[in-house]
């Protein structure tokens, strides 16, 4: 079962279609997918700063880590291929976790600890000997779920405050995992699969918040996602991808599932195969497309990948390829560039995450610039972010 893109694009041209997205995003009764417009932060500067980042006025960047180099004065060597990440508040500051998308048991997760003023006070490994740790998701109980992106990939749960640990969670499925988001209101998890035959999954723990056991399901979409499709759920085994199971024809294909984030009643996720951003509202089982780059010829956002949502309800989407930008989608349905990396043409932007106070945005260039021999670079951007 595959969503009909041609029908969607034909309907989108008609316009005036009623949508009803979650309370944290569309705040009007009628809305169309996001269209290009002016960023609330203004235009990016014409040239990059000393770190190779184009930013709006009032913003600044710093490099906090480089693959193969020591992190500040911690003595810890930063991992290669930095990918998905998240921030966690801790006493006296916060922690940023970052996956390592290295292959054949050489991946894992590292963490950087900051004090209340943003100075780096520590760095360490929290998961080792795993494979292709791509994105993941933070939990309301303060752990990081790190997802392995390969056919036998699983999800590992890590405590960001402790070195050298991590527990595999087989009940969350065995497939090419990308990201996971926890619905703290409905006590469920939502997962994306990075495959051309990928599915959108839901996991219901048997005893929330324990992830030891539960029910795994894949989405079945009925109707057109522009006008408000409905999702029902098909039980699937956790032992292999839904596309290989006997009820595969009863579940819906999502082409290249990427980032996933839960925010106040809505699950947002992206699909790179068709450059779409989606919104699923569990309370009403509604699924809707909130961005599609084919709707407007000059759409700034392509190569959709990792996603995060700020406290203001703005969605931030990182690009894998494209113009190497992080773009913003605002609650009034405007999409615009926020920042851009210059000289990182063979890389991708990964791991966007805000500090707990919303004033600092972390992210990485997974493969860096041509002059860094493929080594990743992790950044912090500070500025007047809307909160």
Protein backbone atom coordinates (compact mmCIF):
# COMPACT_ATOMS: atom_id res chain seq x y z
CA UNK A 1 0.00 0.00 0.00
CA UNK A 2 1.67 3.23 -1.18
CA UNK A 3 0.42 6.81 -0.88
CA UNK A 4 -0.55 8.30 -4.25
CA UNK A 5 1.73 11.30 -4.75
CA UNK A 6 0.13 12.36 -8.06
CA UNK A 7 -3.35 12.62 -6.51
CA UNK A 8 -1.89 14.58 -3.62
CA UNK A 9 -0.23 17.13 -5.90
CA UNK A 10 -3.39 17.53 -7.99
CA UNK A 11 -5.46 18.21 -4.89
CA UNK A 12 -2.87 20.62 -3.52
CA UNK A 13 -3.26 22.82 -6.56
CA UNK A 14 -6.93 23.30 -5.77
CA UNK A 15 -6.15 24.84 -2.40
CA UNK A 16 -8.55 25.91 0.32
CA UNK A 17 -8.60 22.47 1.88
CA UNK A 18 -9.38 22.20 5.56
CA UNK A 19 -6.73 20.75 7.83
CA UNK A 20 -6.71 20.24 11.56
CA UNK A 21 -3.20 19.63 12.84
CA UNK A 22 -2.05 19.21 16.39
CA UNK A 23 -2.34 22.06 18.88
CA UNK A 24 1.38 22.83 18.92
CA UNK A 25 1.67 23.52 15.20
CA UNK A 26 -1.23 24.77 13.04
CA UNK A 27 -3.21 27.22 15.14
CA UNK A 28 -5.81 28.02 12.51
CA UNK A 29 -8.76 25.94 11.36
CA UNK A 30 -7.67 26.02 7.71
CA UNK A 31 -4.12 25.54 6.51
CA UNK A 32 -2.17 24.42 3.48
CA UNK A 33 1.32 22.89 3.52
CA UNK A 34 4.13 25.30 4.33
CA UNK A 35 5.28 27.65 1.56
CA UNK A 36 8.52 29.65 1.14
CA UNK A 37 8.62 32.96 2.93
CA UNK A 38 10.66 35.24 5.15
CA UNK A 39 12.31 33.75 8.21
CA UNK A 40 11.32 35.31 11.56
CA UNK A 41 15.07 35.67 12.14
CA UNK A 42 15.71 37.54 8.90
CA UNK A 43 18.02 36.60 6.04
CA UNK A 44 21.30 34.78 6.50
CA UNK A 45 24.49 36.78 6.08
CA UNK A 46 25.96 36.88 2.61
CA UNK A 47 29.19 35.23 3.72
CA UNK A 48 30.10 32.57 6.25
CA UNK A 49 31.71 33.28 9.60
CA UNK A 50 35.15 31.98 10.60
CA UNK A 51 33.64 28.54 11.26
CA UNK A 52 32.03 28.26 7.83
CA UNK A 53 28.46 29.02 8.99
CA UNK A 54 26.11 31.55 7.40
CA UNK A 55 23.85 32.98 10.10
CA UNK A 56 21.25 35.72 10.57
CA UNK A 57 22.21 38.92 12.34
CA UNK A 58 22.55 38.48 16.11
CA UNK A 59 23.67 34.84 15.93
CA UNK A 60 27.14 33.36 16.40
CA UNK A 61 28.74 29.93 16.15
CA UNK A 62 31.49 27.96 17.79
CA UNK A 63 32.98 24.54 17.12
CA UNK A 64 32.73 22.32 20.19
CA UNK A 65 34.18 19.07 18.80
CA UNK A 66 36.00 17.56 15.82
CA UNK A 67 36.21 13.87 14.94
CA UNK A 68 39.57 12.41 16.01
CA UNK A 69 40.45 15.38 18.22
CA UNK A 70 40.19 15.96 21.96
CA UNK A 71 37.01 17.72 23.15
CA UNK A 72 38.16 20.99 24.76
CA UNK A 73 40.37 20.09 27.74
CA UNK A 74 38.54 16.86 28.61
CA UNK A 75 41.07 14.41 27.14
CA UNK A 76 38.25 12.56 25.34
CA UNK A 77 38.56 11.97 21.59
CA UNK A 78 35.39 12.82 19.65
CA UNK A 79 33.90 10.05 17.54
CA UNK A 80 33.68 9.88 13.75
CA UNK A 81 30.53 10.39 11.68
CA UNK A 82 28.51 12.31 14.31
CA UNK A 83 24.79 11.96 13.67
CA UNK A 84 21.54 12.21 15.69
CA UNK A 85 21.65 14.03 19.00
CA UNK A 86 19.67 15.45 21.91
CA UNK A 87 20.11 17.63 24.98
CA UNK A 88 19.34 16.65 28.58
CA UNK A 89 19.08 18.97 31.59
CA UNK A 90 21.24 17.94 34.54
CA UNK A 91 22.16 19.59 37.79
CA UNK A 92 24.28 22.65 37.05
CA UNK A 93 23.95 22.48 33.26
CA UNK A 94 23.11 20.07 30.45
CA UNK A 95 24.43 17.20 28.32
CA UNK A 96 24.46 16.85 24.53
CA UNK A 97 24.52 13.27 23.22
CA UNK A 98 25.69 12.43 19.69
CA UNK A 99 25.50 9.18 17.75
CA UNK A 100 28.38 7.79 15.71
CA UNK A 101 27.20 6.38 12.37
CA UNK A 102 30.27 4.20 11.88
CA UNK A 103 29.85 0.66 10.59
CA UNK A 104 30.68 -2.92 11.59
CA UNK A 105 30.59 -2.55 15.35
CA UNK A 106 32.58 0.70 15.45
CA UNK A 107 29.63 3.02 16.10
CA UNK A 108 28.07 4.12 19.39
CA UNK A 109 27.26 7.32 21.25
CA UNK A 110 29.30 10.05 22.95
CA UNK A 111 28.26 12.83 25.31
CA UNK A 112 29.50 16.34 26.11
CA UNK A 113 28.65 17.93 29.46
CA UNK A 114 28.22 21.72 29.88
CA UNK A 115 27.94 23.90 32.96
CA UNK A 116 25.23 26.52 33.36
CA UNK A 117 27.25 29.08 31.39
CA UNK A 118 27.81 26.78 28.44
CA UNK A 119 31.43 25.84 29.17
CA UNK A 120 32.44 22.24 28.45
CA UNK A 121 33.18 20.33 31.65
CA UNK A 122 33.37 16.74 30.41
CA UNK A 123 33.08 14.31 27.51
CA UNK A 124 32.83 10.52 27.45
CA UNK A 125 31.48 7.46 25.63
CA UNK A 126 28.04 6.17 26.68
CA UNK A 127 27.65 3.33 24.12
CA UNK A 128 30.25 1.31 22.19
CA UNK A 129 30.56 -1.58 19.73
CA UNK A 130 27.28 -0.94 17.89
CA UNK A 131 26.68 -0.37 14.18
CA UNK A 132 25.57 2.65 12.14
CA UNK A 133 24.01 4.60 14.99
CA UNK A 134 22.03 7.12 12.99
CA UNK A 135 19.34 9.15 14.76
CA UNK A 136 17.28 8.24 17.83
CA UNK A 137 15.25 10.09 20.41
CA UNK A 138 15.24 11.28 24.00
CA UNK A 139 12.79 9.94 26.55
CA UNK A 140 10.77 11.79 29.21
CA UNK A 141 12.58 9.73 31.86
CA UNK A 142 15.96 11.10 30.77
CA UNK A 143 17.50 8.42 28.56
CA UNK A 144 18.72 8.48 24.96
CA UNK A 145 17.40 5.90 22.48
CA UNK A 146 20.10 5.30 19.87
CA UNK A 147 18.94 3.71 16.59
CA UNK A 148 21.03 1.45 14.37
CA UNK A 149 20.46 2.05 10.66
CA UNK A 150 21.03 -1.27 8.90
CA UNK A 151 18.83 -4.26 8.06
CA UNK A 152 19.46 -5.92 11.44
CA UNK A 153 19.38 -2.65 13.35
CA UNK A 154 18.02 -2.35 16.87
CA UNK A 155 17.44 0.38 19.45
CA UNK A 156 19.76 0.89 22.42
CA UNK A 157 18.77 2.78 25.58
CA UNK A 158 21.53 4.82 27.22
CA UNK A 159 21.89 6.95 30.34
CA UNK A 160 23.55 10.19 29.15
CA UNK A 161 25.10 10.80 32.57
CA UNK A 162 27.11 7.56 32.73
CA UNK A 163 30.04 6.30 30.69
CA UNK A 164 30.30 2.87 29.04
CA UNK A 165 26.82 1.39 29.23
CA UNK A 166 23.65 1.00 27.15
CA UNK A 167 20.97 -1.70 26.93
CA UNK A 168 19.51 -3.15 23.72
CA UNK A 169 15.70 -3.02 23.39
CA UNK A 170 14.74 -5.83 20.95
CA UNK A 171 10.99 -5.27 21.46
CA UNK A 172 11.30 -2.03 19.45
CA UNK A 173 11.97 -4.01 16.29
CA UNK A 174 14.73 -5.25 14.03
CA UNK A 175 15.00 -3.12 10.88
CA UNK A 176 16.87 -0.14 9.46
CA UNK A 177 16.01 2.22 12.30
CA UNK A 178 16.30 5.98 11.90
CA UNK A 179 14.59 7.86 14.72
CA UNK A 180 12.14 7.42 17.59
CA UNK A 181 9.86 9.81 19.48
CA UNK A 182 8.09 9.19 22.79
CA UNK A 183 4.47 10.31 23.19
CA UNK A 184 4.45 11.13 26.91
CA UNK A 185 0.69 11.75 26.87
CA UNK A 186 -0.39 8.48 25.26
CA UNK A 187 2.54 6.39 26.61
CA UNK A 188 3.65 5.14 23.20
CA UNK A 189 6.72 5.38 20.98
CA UNK A 190 6.81 6.17 17.25
CA UNK A 191 9.64 5.00 15.00
CA UNK A 192 10.81 5.68 11.44
CA UNK A 193 12.53 3.25 9.06
CA UNK A 194 15.17 4.48 6.61
CA UNK A 195 14.34 2.33 3.59
CA UNK A 196 12.59 2.85 0.28
CA UNK A 197 10.10 0.25 1.54
CA UNK A 198 10.07 1.70 5.06
CA UNK A 199 7.13 1.86 7.43
CA UNK A 200 6.02 4.17 10.24
CA UNK A 201 5.84 2.18 13.47
CA UNK A 202 4.14 2.47 16.85
CA UNK A 203 5.29 0.69 20.02
CA UNK A 204 3.06 0.33 23.07
CA UNK A 205 5.03 -0.76 26.17
CA UNK A 206 3.49 -3.46 28.34
CA UNK A 207 4.49 -1.51 31.45
CA UNK A 208 5.44 2.09 30.52
CA UNK A 209 8.12 3.40 30.82
CA UNK A 210 9.86 0.01 30.65
CA UNK A 211 10.82 -0.91 27.10
CA UNK A 212 11.46 -4.58 27.84
CA UNK A 213 8.22 -5.74 26.20
CA UNK A 214 5.22 -4.43 24.33
CA UNK A 215 3.27 -4.39 21.08
CA UNK A 216 4.88 -3.25 17.81
CA UNK A 217 2.62 -2.07 14.97
CA UNK A 218 2.97 -0.49 11.51
CA UNK A 219 0.75 2.28 10.12
CA UNK A 220 -2.01 1.69 7.58
CA UNK A 221 -3.11 4.98 5.99
CA UNK A 222 -6.58 5.52 4.57
CA UNK A 223 -7.49 8.65 2.62
CA UNK A 224 -5.43 11.52 1.28
CA UNK A 225 -2.93 13.11 3.69
CA UNK A 226 -3.62 16.60 2.33
CA UNK A 227 -7.25 16.50 3.39
CA UNK A 228 -6.58 14.57 6.55
CA UNK A 229 -5.93 10.85 6.22
CA UNK A 230 -6.70 8.35 8.97
CA UNK A 231 -4.21 5.91 10.45
CA UNK A 232 -5.01 2.47 11.80
CA UNK A 233 -2.37 0.06 13.07
CA UNK A 234 -1.38 -3.47 12.04
CA UNK A 235 0.48 -5.70 14.53
CA UNK A 236 3.93 -6.76 13.29
CA UNK A 237 6.69 -8.95 14.64
CA UNK A 238 9.75 -7.31 16.15
CA UNK A 239 12.06 -9.84 14.47
CA UNK A 240 12.18 -8.33 10.94
CA UNK A 241 11.01 -5.32 8.87
CA UNK A 242 7.26 -4.96 8.30
CA UNK A 243 7.87 -5.11 4.53
CA UNK A 244 8.93 -8.76 4.94
CA UNK A 245 5.95 -9.88 6.99
CA UNK A 246 2.78 -11.66 5.87
CA UNK A 247 0.59 -8.57 6.32
CA UNK A 248 2.98 -6.25 4.42
CA UNK A 249 0.28 -5.31 1.88
CA UNK A 250 -1.89 -3.97 4.69
CA UNK A 251 0.71 -1.47 5.88
CA UNK A 252 1.71 1.79 4.16
CA UNK A 253 5.10 2.48 2.58
CA UNK A 254 6.93 5.62 3.67
CA UNK A 255 9.88 6.28 1.37
CA UNK A 256 13.00 6.80 3.46
CA UNK A 257 11.82 7.65 6.97
CA UNK A 258 14.13 10.10 8.73
CA UNK A 259 13.75 12.39 11.77
CA UNK A 260 10.94 12.00 14.30
CA UNK A 261 9.88 14.30 17.15
CA UNK A 262 6.92 14.50 19.54
CA UNK A 263 5.62 17.90 20.63
CA UNK A 264 2.46 18.57 22.64
CA UNK A 265 0.08 16.20 20.96
CA UNK A 266 1.72 15.81 17.54
CA UNK A 267 4.35 13.46 16.12
CA UNK A 268 6.40 15.10 13.36
CA UNK A 269 8.53 13.02 11.00
CA UNK A 270 10.25 13.36 7.65
CA UNK A 271 10.69 11.17 4.55
CA UNK A 272 13.69 11.84 2.32
CA UNK A 273 12.46 9.85 -0.69
CA UNK A 274 9.79 12.46 -1.41
CA UNK A 275 11.09 15.41 0.69
CA UNK A 276 8.06 15.62 2.93
CA UNK A 277 7.42 16.62 6.53
CA UNK A 278 4.45 14.88 8.17
CA UNK A 279 2.32 15.44 11.25
CA UNK A 280 0.47 12.64 13.02
CA UNK A 281 -2.01 13.45 15.80
CA UNK A 282 -2.50 10.36 17.99
CA UNK A 283 -5.65 11.68 19.69
CA UNK A 284 -7.52 11.85 16.38
CA UNK A 285 -5.45 9.31 14.36
CA UNK A 286 -5.03 12.01 11.66
CA UNK A 287 -2.00 12.09 9.36
CA UNK A 288 -1.19 15.17 7.30
CA UNK A 289 1.57 16.52 5.09
CA UNK A 290 2.82 19.87 6.31
CA UNK A 291 5.63 20.34 3.80
CA UNK A 292 6.39 18.98 0.33
CA UNK A 293 9.19 20.51 -1.73
CA UNK A 294 7.41 19.74 -5.02
CA UNK A 295 4.57 22.15 -4.26
CA UNK A 296 6.69 25.27 -4.82
CA UNK A 297 9.49 25.57 -7.41
CA UNK A 298 11.74 27.60 -5.11
CA UNK A 299 11.29 25.65 -1.89
CA UNK A 300 14.44 26.12 0.22
CA UNK A 301 14.18 22.80 2.06
CA UNK A 302 15.38 19.65 0.28
CA UNK A 303 17.05 16.47 1.51
CA UNK A 304 14.92 16.47 4.67
CA UNK A 305 16.54 14.61 7.56
CA UNK A 306 16.77 15.11 11.33
CA UNK A 307 14.08 17.23 12.95
CA UNK A 308 13.55 19.00 16.25
CA UNK A 309 10.87 21.37 17.59
CA UNK A 310 11.62 24.42 19.73
CA UNK A 311 9.53 25.56 22.68
CA UNK A 312 7.90 28.17 20.40
CA UNK A 313 6.46 25.42 18.18
CA UNK A 314 8.87 26.12 15.31
CA UNK A 315 10.07 23.00 13.48
CA UNK A 316 13.76 22.85 12.56
CA UNK A 317 14.70 20.43 9.76
CA UNK A 318 18.31 19.58 8.87
CA UNK A 319 19.32 18.81 5.29
CA UNK A 320 21.18 15.76 4.06
CA UNK A 321 22.58 17.29 0.89
CA UNK A 322 20.50 20.10 -0.57
CA UNK A 323 22.10 23.43 0.28
CA UNK A 324 23.42 22.12 3.62
CA UNK A 325 20.96 24.24 5.57
CA UNK A 326 18.84 23.98 8.65
CA UNK A 327 15.43 25.33 7.71
CA UNK A 328 12.59 26.47 9.93
CA UNK A 329 8.88 25.78 9.44
CA UNK A 330 6.87 28.27 11.49
CA UNK A 331 3.39 27.84 12.99
CA UNK A 332 2.03 30.23 10.32
CA UNK A 333 3.15 27.80 7.60
CA UNK A 334 6.29 29.55 6.35
CA UNK A 335 9.45 27.62 5.48
CA UNK A 336 12.76 29.49 5.32
CA UNK A 337 16.50 28.89 5.83
CA UNK A 338 17.93 29.55 9.28
CA UNK A 339 21.61 28.76 8.69
CA UNK A 340 23.90 27.19 6.11
CA UNK A 341 27.26 25.41 6.13
CA UNK A 342 29.73 26.55 3.47
CA UNK A 343 32.40 24.22 2.08
CA UNK A 344 30.78 21.02 3.36
CA UNK A 345 29.56 19.87 -0.04
CA UNK A 346 30.00 16.13 0.56
CA UNK A 347 28.51 16.18 4.03
CA UNK A 348 25.11 16.33 5.72
CA UNK A 349 23.76 18.23 8.72
CA UNK A 350 22.86 15.98 11.63
CA UNK A 351 21.76 16.01 15.26
CA UNK A 352 19.97 19.37 15.73
CA UNK A 353 19.02 19.85 19.37
CA UNK A 354 18.35 22.82 21.64
CA UNK A 355 19.84 23.37 25.06
CA UNK A 356 17.20 23.17 27.82
CA UNK A 357 16.83 26.97 27.93
CA UNK A 358 16.31 27.13 24.14
CA UNK A 359 19.17 29.59 23.60
CA UNK A 360 21.73 27.27 21.98
CA UNK A 361 21.34 24.97 18.99
CA UNK A 362 23.71 22.03 18.55
CA UNK A 363 24.29 20.10 15.31
CA UNK A 364 27.05 18.40 13.32
CA UNK A 365 28.48 18.28 9.84
CA UNK A 366 28.82 14.52 9.64
CA UNK A 367 31.76 14.41 7.23
CA UNK A 368 33.07 17.95 7.61
CA UNK A 369 34.86 19.81 4.83
CA UNK A 370 37.19 18.48 2.17
CA UNK A 371 40.11 19.74 4.23
CA UNK A 372 39.18 17.66 7.28
CA UNK A 373 39.63 14.27 5.55
CA UNK A 374 36.02 13.32 6.14
CA UNK A 375 36.10 14.08 9.85
CA UNK A 376 32.90 15.36 11.45
CA UNK A 377 32.53 18.78 13.08
CA UNK A 378 30.04 19.54 15.86
CA UNK A 379 28.76 23.10 16.26
CA UNK A 380 26.91 25.28 18.73
CA UNK A 381 24.92 28.28 17.53
CA UNK A 382 23.83 30.93 20.02
CA UNK A 383 21.31 33.68 19.35
CA UNK A 384 17.87 35.15 19.98
CA UNK A 385 15.87 31.97 19.32
CA UNK A 386 12.13 32.28 19.85
CA UNK A 387 11.02 30.58 23.06
